[in-house]
């Protein structure tokens, strides 16, 4: 998933998106 890479950048950009992406990334990576 390409979203797994920019999700780290989103952490510094928008913490709100991090919560959503973090949940998706956790499911996608794990």
N, C-alpha and C. Protein backbone atom coordinates (compact mmCIF):
# COMPACT_ATOMS: atom_id res chain seq x y z
N UNK A 1 0.84 -1.21 0.00
CA UNK A 1 0.00 0.00 0.00
C UNK A 1 0.87 1.26 0.00
N UNK A 2 0.64 2.15 -0.93
CA UNK A 2 1.42 3.39 -1.04
C UNK A 2 1.11 4.35 0.11
N UNK A 3 -0.03 4.16 0.76
CA UNK A 3 -0.43 5.05 1.85
C UNK A 3 0.40 4.78 3.10
N UNK A 4 1.08 3.64 3.11
CA UNK A 4 1.86 3.27 4.29
C UNK A 4 3.11 4.15 4.39
N UNK A 5 3.52 4.73 3.26
CA UNK A 5 4.72 5.58 3.26
C UNK A 5 4.41 7.01 3.67
N UNK A 6 3.46 7.68 2.99
CA UNK A 6 3.15 9.08 3.32
C UNK A 6 2.47 9.24 4.66
N UNK A 7 2.08 8.14 5.28
CA UNK A 7 1.38 8.24 6.58
C UNK A 7 2.32 8.82 7.62
N UNK A 8 3.60 8.58 7.47
CA UNK A 8 4.58 9.15 8.41
C UNK A 8 4.65 10.66 8.26
N UNK A 9 4.50 11.12 7.03
CA UNK A 9 4.52 12.56 6.77
C UNK A 9 3.25 13.20 7.30
N UNK A 10 2.16 12.44 7.24
CA UNK A 10 0.87 12.95 7.71
C UNK A 10 0.91 13.18 9.21
N UNK A 11 1.78 12.44 9.89
CA UNK A 11 1.89 12.59 11.35
C UNK A 11 2.29 14.01 11.70
N UNK A 12 3.21 14.56 10.92
CA UNK A 12 3.68 15.92 11.19
C UNK A 12 2.73 16.95 10.59
N UNK A 13 1.97 16.51 9.58
CA UNK A 13 1.06 17.44 8.90
C UNK A 13 -0.25 17.61 9.67
N UNK A 14 -0.99 16.52 9.79
CA UNK A 14 -2.27 16.62 10.48
C UNK A 14 -2.44 15.45 11.44
N UNK A 15 -2.47 15.74 12.74
CA UNK A 15 -2.64 14.71 13.77
C UNK A 15 -4.01 14.06 13.68
N UNK A 16 -4.98 14.80 13.13
CA UNK A 16 -6.33 14.25 12.99
C UNK A 16 -6.32 13.11 11.97
N UNK A 17 -5.61 13.34 10.87
CA UNK A 17 -5.52 12.32 9.83
C UNK A 17 -4.69 11.14 10.33
N UNK A 18 -3.75 11.45 11.22
CA UNK A 18 -2.89 10.41 11.77
C UNK A 18 -3.72 9.37 12.50
N UNK A 19 -4.75 9.81 13.18
CA UNK A 19 -5.60 8.89 13.93
C UNK A 19 -6.29 7.93 12.97
N UNK A 20 -6.74 8.47 11.83
CA UNK A 20 -7.42 7.64 10.84
C UNK A 20 -6.42 6.76 10.10
N UNK A 21 -5.35 7.40 9.63
CA UNK A 21 -4.33 6.67 8.87
C UNK A 21 -3.61 5.67 9.77
N UNK A 22 -3.42 6.05 11.02
CA UNK A 22 -2.75 5.17 11.97
C UNK A 22 -3.51 3.87 12.14
N UNK A 23 -4.84 3.99 12.20
CA UNK A 23 -5.67 2.80 12.37
C UNK A 23 -5.63 1.95 11.11
N UNK A 24 -5.69 2.61 9.96
CA UNK A 24 -5.65 1.89 8.68
C UNK A 24 -4.27 1.29 8.45
N UNK A 25 -3.24 2.07 8.78
CA UNK A 25 -1.87 1.62 8.56
C UNK A 25 -1.56 0.41 9.44
N UNK A 26 -2.09 0.45 10.66
CA UNK A 26 -1.85 -0.66 11.59
C UNK A 26 -2.45 -1.95 11.03
N UNK A 27 -3.62 -1.81 10.42
CA UNK A 27 -4.28 -2.98 9.85
C UNK A 27 -3.58 -3.42 8.57
N UNK A 28 -3.08 -2.43 7.83
CA UNK A 28 -2.45 -2.73 6.54
C UNK A 28 -1.06 -3.32 6.75
N UNK A 29 -0.28 -2.71 7.66
CA UNK A 29 1.09 -3.18 7.90
C UNK A 29 1.07 -4.50 8.68
N UNK A 30 0.28 -4.50 9.74
CA UNK A 30 0.22 -5.71 10.56
C UNK A 30 -0.68 -6.73 9.86
